[in-house]
Amino acid sequence: MKRLILVLVIPFLSFIPGQIQDEKEDIQIAFTSAMKGVYWAQENVSPKRETMFKDIIVNNKKICTVKIYKQVGGLKIISEGYEGSTKVEITTYRSTSEK
């Protein structure tokens, strides 16, 4: 009976509040990295290319991957931010004026 209680209790001990806080921090860092990719994409749109892919690397660490697709009437920007094993993806659509 004691073994059964230990087997049932030990998995719940793995969800320590400190680990949850670390996970929130990882998500926030990955989100910030993804936003850096969005800002980079908005500043570096090529007028000639239909699609563009870029990995942004800081201190020998890949912080995000940016994909830019030109579509009718605008741009589609997909930015994936990374922190450890956490990945956050942001997809934005930006309309461009027809001239």
N, C-alpha and C. Protein backbone atom coordinates (compact mmCIF):
# COMPACT_ATOMS: atom_id res chain seq x y z
N MET A 1 0.82 -1.19 0.00
CA MET A 1 0.00 0.00 0.00
C MET A 1 0.86 1.26 0.00
N LYS A 2 1.96 1.23 0.78
CA LYS A 2 2.85 2.39 0.83
C LYS A 2 3.49 2.64 -0.54
N ARG A 3 3.82 1.58 -1.22
CA ARG A 3 4.42 1.73 -2.55
C ARG A 3 3.43 2.35 -3.53
N LEU A 4 2.19 1.97 -3.44
CA LEU A 4 1.16 2.52 -4.29
C LEU A 4 1.00 4.02 -4.07
N ILE A 5 1.03 4.44 -2.83
CA ILE A 5 0.92 5.87 -2.51
C ILE A 5 2.12 6.62 -3.06
N LEU A 6 3.32 6.06 -2.92
CA LEU A 6 4.52 6.72 -3.45
C LEU A 6 4.47 6.83 -4.97
N VAL A 7 4.00 5.79 -5.61
CA VAL A 7 3.90 5.80 -7.08
C VAL A 7 2.90 6.86 -7.54
N LEU A 8 1.85 7.08 -6.79
CA LEU A 8 0.85 8.07 -7.16
C LEU A 8 1.26 9.50 -6.80
N VAL A 9 2.06 9.68 -5.78
CA VAL A 9 2.43 11.01 -5.30
C VAL A 9 3.65 11.57 -6.04
N ILE A 10 4.61 10.75 -6.38
CA ILE A 10 5.86 11.22 -6.98
C ILE A 10 5.63 11.99 -8.29
N PRO A 11 4.77 11.55 -9.20
CA PRO A 11 4.57 12.35 -10.42
C PRO A 11 4.05 13.75 -10.15
N PHE A 12 3.27 13.95 -9.12
CA PHE A 12 2.74 15.27 -8.81
C PHE A 12 3.81 16.19 -8.24
N LEU A 13 4.86 15.64 -7.68
CA LEU A 13 5.94 16.45 -7.14
C LEU A 13 6.78 17.09 -8.25
N SER A 14 6.68 16.56 -9.44
CA SER A 14 7.46 17.12 -10.54
C SER A 14 6.92 18.48 -10.99
N PHE A 15 5.71 18.83 -10.64
CA PHE A 15 5.12 20.12 -10.99
C PHE A 15 5.36 21.13 -9.87
N ILE A 16 6.60 21.43 -9.64
CA ILE A 16 6.97 22.38 -8.59
C ILE A 16 6.76 23.79 -9.15
N PRO A 17 6.26 24.74 -8.34
CA PRO A 17 6.02 26.10 -8.83
C PRO A 17 7.23 26.76 -9.48
N GLY A 18 8.43 26.44 -9.05
CA GLY A 18 9.63 27.01 -9.66
C GLY A 18 9.77 26.61 -11.12
N GLN A 19 9.40 25.38 -11.43
CA GLN A 19 9.47 24.92 -12.80
C GLN A 19 8.44 25.63 -13.67
N ILE A 20 7.28 25.90 -13.13
CA ILE A 20 6.26 26.63 -13.86
C ILE A 20 6.73 28.04 -14.15
N GLN A 21 7.38 28.67 -13.20
CA GLN A 21 7.91 30.02 -13.39
C GLN A 21 8.99 30.02 -14.47
N ASP A 22 9.87 29.01 -14.46
CA ASP A 22 10.91 28.90 -15.48
C ASP A 22 10.29 28.74 -16.86
N GLU A 23 9.21 27.98 -16.95
CA GLU A 23 8.53 27.76 -18.22
C GLU A 23 7.94 29.07 -18.73
N LYS A 24 7.35 29.87 -17.84
CA LYS A 24 6.80 31.17 -18.23
C LYS A 24 7.90 32.09 -18.74
N GLU A 25 9.05 32.07 -18.08
CA GLU A 25 10.18 32.89 -18.52
C GLU A 25 10.67 32.45 -19.90
N ASP A 26 10.74 31.13 -20.13
CA ASP A 26 11.15 30.63 -21.44
C ASP A 26 10.18 31.06 -22.53
N ILE A 27 8.89 31.02 -22.24
CA ILE A 27 7.89 31.46 -23.21
C ILE A 27 8.05 32.94 -23.50
N GLN A 28 8.28 33.74 -22.46
CA GLN A 28 8.44 35.18 -22.65
C GLN A 28 9.69 35.50 -23.47
N ILE A 29 10.79 34.80 -23.22
CA ILE A 29 12.02 35.02 -23.98
C ILE A 29 11.82 34.59 -25.44
N ALA A 30 11.15 33.47 -25.66
CA ALA A 30 10.88 33.01 -27.03
C ALA A 30 9.97 33.99 -27.75
N PHE A 31 8.98 34.55 -27.05
CA PHE A 31 8.08 35.54 -27.65
C PHE A 31 8.86 36.80 -28.03
N THR A 32 9.73 37.27 -27.16
CA THR A 32 10.55 38.45 -27.45
C THR A 32 11.45 38.19 -28.66
N SER A 33 12.02 37.00 -28.75
CA SER A 33 12.85 36.65 -29.90
C SER A 33 12.03 36.63 -31.19
N ALA A 34 10.82 36.10 -31.13
CA ALA A 34 9.94 36.08 -32.30
C ALA A 34 9.58 37.50 -32.73
N MET A 35 9.35 38.38 -31.77
CA MET A 35 9.04 39.78 -32.10
C MET A 35 10.23 40.47 -32.76
N LYS A 36 11.44 40.14 -32.34
CA LYS A 36 12.63 40.68 -33.01
C LYS A 36 12.64 40.27 -34.47
N GLY A 37 12.22 39.05 -34.75
CA GLY A 37 12.13 38.58 -36.13
C GLY A 37 11.09 39.34 -36.93
N VAL A 38 9.95 39.65 -36.30
CA VAL A 38 8.90 40.43 -36.99
C VAL A 38 9.43 41.82 -37.32
N TYR A 39 10.10 42.46 -36.35
CA TYR A 39 10.65 43.79 -36.60
C TYR A 39 11.70 43.76 -37.71
N TRP A 40 12.55 42.73 -37.71
CA TRP A 40 13.56 42.59 -38.75
C TRP A 40 12.90 42.44 -40.11
N ALA A 41 11.86 41.63 -40.18
CA ALA A 41 11.17 41.38 -41.45
C ALA A 41 10.54 42.66 -41.99
N GLN A 42 9.95 43.47 -41.14
CA GLN A 42 9.31 44.69 -41.60
C GLN A 42 10.32 45.69 -42.15
N GLU A 43 11.53 45.67 -41.63
CA GLU A 43 12.56 46.59 -42.10
C GLU A 43 13.31 46.09 -43.33
N ASN A 44 13.29 44.78 -43.58
CA ASN A 44 14.12 44.20 -44.62
C ASN A 44 13.32 43.49 -45.71
N VAL A 45 12.22 44.05 -46.10
CA VAL A 45 11.41 43.45 -47.17
C VAL A 45 12.09 43.76 -48.50
N SER A 46 12.33 42.73 -49.28
CA SER A 46 12.95 42.91 -50.59
C SER A 46 11.86 43.16 -51.63
N PRO A 47 11.99 44.22 -52.43
CA PRO A 47 10.96 44.49 -53.43
C PRO A 47 10.96 43.48 -54.57
N LYS A 48 12.03 42.73 -54.75
CA LYS A 48 12.14 41.82 -55.89
C LYS A 48 11.77 40.37 -55.56
N ARG A 49 11.95 39.95 -54.33
CA ARG A 49 11.75 38.55 -53.98
C ARG A 49 10.31 38.28 -53.52
N GLU A 50 9.79 37.14 -53.94
CA GLU A 50 8.45 36.73 -53.53
C GLU A 50 8.45 36.09 -52.15
N THR A 51 9.50 35.33 -51.86
CA THR A 51 9.64 34.70 -50.54
C THR A 51 11.05 34.95 -50.03
N MET A 52 11.17 34.96 -48.71
CA MET A 52 12.48 35.18 -48.09
C MET A 52 12.53 34.45 -46.76
N PHE A 53 13.66 33.80 -46.50
CA PHE A 53 13.85 33.06 -45.25
C PHE A 53 15.13 33.55 -44.58
N LYS A 54 15.10 33.70 -43.26
CA LYS A 54 16.28 34.19 -42.55
C LYS A 54 16.31 33.62 -41.15
N ASP A 55 17.48 33.12 -40.73
CA ASP A 55 17.71 32.72 -39.35
C ASP A 55 18.48 33.85 -38.69
N ILE A 56 18.00 34.32 -37.56
CA ILE A 56 18.69 35.37 -36.81
C ILE A 56 19.46 34.70 -35.68
N ILE A 57 20.77 34.94 -35.69
CA ILE A 57 21.67 34.29 -34.74
C ILE A 57 22.35 35.37 -33.90
N VAL A 58 22.31 35.21 -32.58
CA VAL A 58 22.97 36.12 -31.65
C VAL A 58 23.84 35.28 -30.71
N ASN A 59 25.11 35.63 -30.62
CA ASN A 59 26.06 34.92 -29.75
C ASN A 59 26.07 33.42 -30.04
N ASN A 60 26.15 33.06 -31.33
CA ASN A 60 26.18 31.66 -31.77
C ASN A 60 24.97 30.87 -31.33
N LYS A 61 23.84 31.54 -31.15
CA LYS A 61 22.60 30.89 -30.74
C LYS A 61 21.48 31.37 -31.65
N LYS A 62 20.78 30.44 -32.26
CA LYS A 62 19.66 30.79 -33.14
C LYS A 62 18.48 31.23 -32.28
N ILE A 63 18.11 32.51 -32.41
CA ILE A 63 17.01 33.00 -31.58
C ILE A 63 15.69 33.00 -32.33
N CYS A 64 15.72 33.10 -33.67
CA CYS A 64 14.45 33.04 -34.40
C CYS A 64 14.67 32.73 -35.88
N THR A 65 13.62 32.27 -36.49
CA THR A 65 13.55 32.02 -37.92
C THR A 65 12.43 32.88 -38.48
N VAL A 66 12.73 33.60 -39.57
CA VAL A 66 11.75 34.50 -40.17
C VAL A 66 11.45 34.04 -41.59
N LYS A 67 10.18 34.02 -41.94
CA LYS A 67 9.73 33.69 -43.30
C LYS A 67 8.83 34.83 -43.77
N ILE A 68 9.15 35.37 -44.94
CA ILE A 68 8.35 36.47 -45.50
C ILE A 68 7.79 35.99 -46.83
N TYR A 69 6.48 36.12 -46.99
CA TYR A 69 5.81 35.74 -48.23
C TYR A 69 5.06 36.96 -48.76
N LYS A 70 5.30 37.28 -50.03
CA LYS A 70 4.52 38.35 -50.64
C LYS A 70 3.24 37.74 -51.16
N GLN A 71 2.13 38.37 -50.84
CA GLN A 71 0.82 37.93 -51.29
C GLN A 71 0.12 39.09 -51.96
N VAL A 72 -0.99 38.82 -52.60
CA VAL A 72 -1.74 39.87 -53.25
C VAL A 72 -2.21 40.87 -52.19
N GLY A 73 -1.78 42.09 -52.32
CA GLY A 73 -2.21 43.14 -51.40
C GLY A 73 -1.43 43.24 -50.11
N GLY A 74 -0.37 42.45 -49.93
CA GLY A 74 0.36 42.58 -48.67
C GLY A 74 1.44 41.54 -48.46
N LEU A 75 1.84 41.42 -47.21
CA LEU A 75 2.89 40.49 -46.79
C LEU A 75 2.37 39.56 -45.70
N LYS A 76 2.90 38.36 -45.70
CA LYS A 76 2.65 37.43 -44.60
C LYS A 76 4.02 37.17 -43.97
N ILE A 77 4.13 37.46 -42.68
CA ILE A 77 5.39 37.28 -41.96
C ILE A 77 5.17 36.23 -40.88
N ILE A 78 6.00 35.19 -40.93
CA ILE A 78 5.96 34.14 -39.91
C ILE A 78 7.30 34.17 -39.19
N SER A 79 7.27 34.37 -37.90
CA SER A 79 8.48 34.43 -37.09
C SER A 79 8.37 33.41 -35.97
N GLU A 80 9.39 32.56 -35.86
CA GLU A 80 9.44 31.54 -34.81
C GLU A 80 10.58 31.89 -33.86
N GLY A 81 10.26 32.14 -32.60
CA GLY A 81 11.27 32.44 -31.59
C GLY A 81 11.57 31.20 -30.77
N TYR A 82 12.82 31.07 -30.35
CA TYR A 82 13.27 29.88 -29.62
C TYR A 82 13.92 30.24 -28.31
N GLU A 83 13.71 29.41 -27.32
CA GLU A 83 14.45 29.48 -26.05
C GLU A 83 14.46 28.07 -25.47
N GLY A 84 15.63 27.46 -25.50
CA GLY A 84 15.73 26.08 -25.04
C GLY A 84 14.87 25.18 -25.92
N SER A 85 13.96 24.45 -25.31
CA SER A 85 13.06 23.59 -26.08
C SER A 85 11.71 24.26 -26.33
N THR A 86 11.59 25.55 -26.02
CA THR A 86 10.34 26.28 -26.19
C THR A 86 10.36 27.02 -27.53
N LYS A 87 9.26 26.94 -28.25
CA LYS A 87 9.13 27.61 -29.55
C LYS A 87 7.83 28.39 -29.56
N VAL A 88 7.91 29.67 -29.97
CA VAL A 88 6.73 30.52 -30.10
C VAL A 88 6.67 30.99 -31.54
N GLU A 89 5.51 30.85 -32.17
CA GLU A 89 5.35 31.27 -33.57
C GLU A 89 4.35 32.42 -33.64
N ILE A 90 4.76 33.49 -34.34
CA ILE A 90 3.90 34.65 -34.56
C ILE A 90 3.69 34.78 -36.06
N THR A 91 2.44 34.86 -36.47
CA THR A 91 2.11 35.08 -37.87
C THR A 91 1.40 36.43 -37.98
N THR A 92 1.94 37.29 -38.83
CA THR A 92 1.35 38.61 -39.02
C THR A 92 1.08 38.84 -40.50
N TYR A 93 0.07 39.62 -40.78
CA TYR A 93 -0.27 40.02 -42.13
C TYR A 93 -0.19 41.54 -42.19
N ARG A 94 0.50 42.06 -43.18
CA ARG A 94 0.62 43.49 -43.32
C ARG A 94 0.18 43.87 -44.73
N SER A 95 -0.78 44.76 -44.84
CA SER A 95 -1.24 45.17 -46.17
C SER A 95 -0.31 46.25 -46.70
N THR A 96 -0.15 46.23 -48.00
CA THR A 96 0.66 47.25 -48.68
C THR A 96 -0.24 48.00 -49.63
N SER A 97 0.01 49.29 -49.74
CA SER A 97 -0.83 50.11 -50.63
C SER A 97 -0.40 49.88 -52.07
N GLU A 98 -1.38 49.81 -52.94
CA GLU A 98 -1.14 49.65 -54.37
C GLU A 98 -0.85 51.00 -54.96
N LYS A 99 0.28 51.15 -55.63
CA LYS A 99 0.65 52.42 -56.26
C LYS A 99 0.84 52.23 -57.74
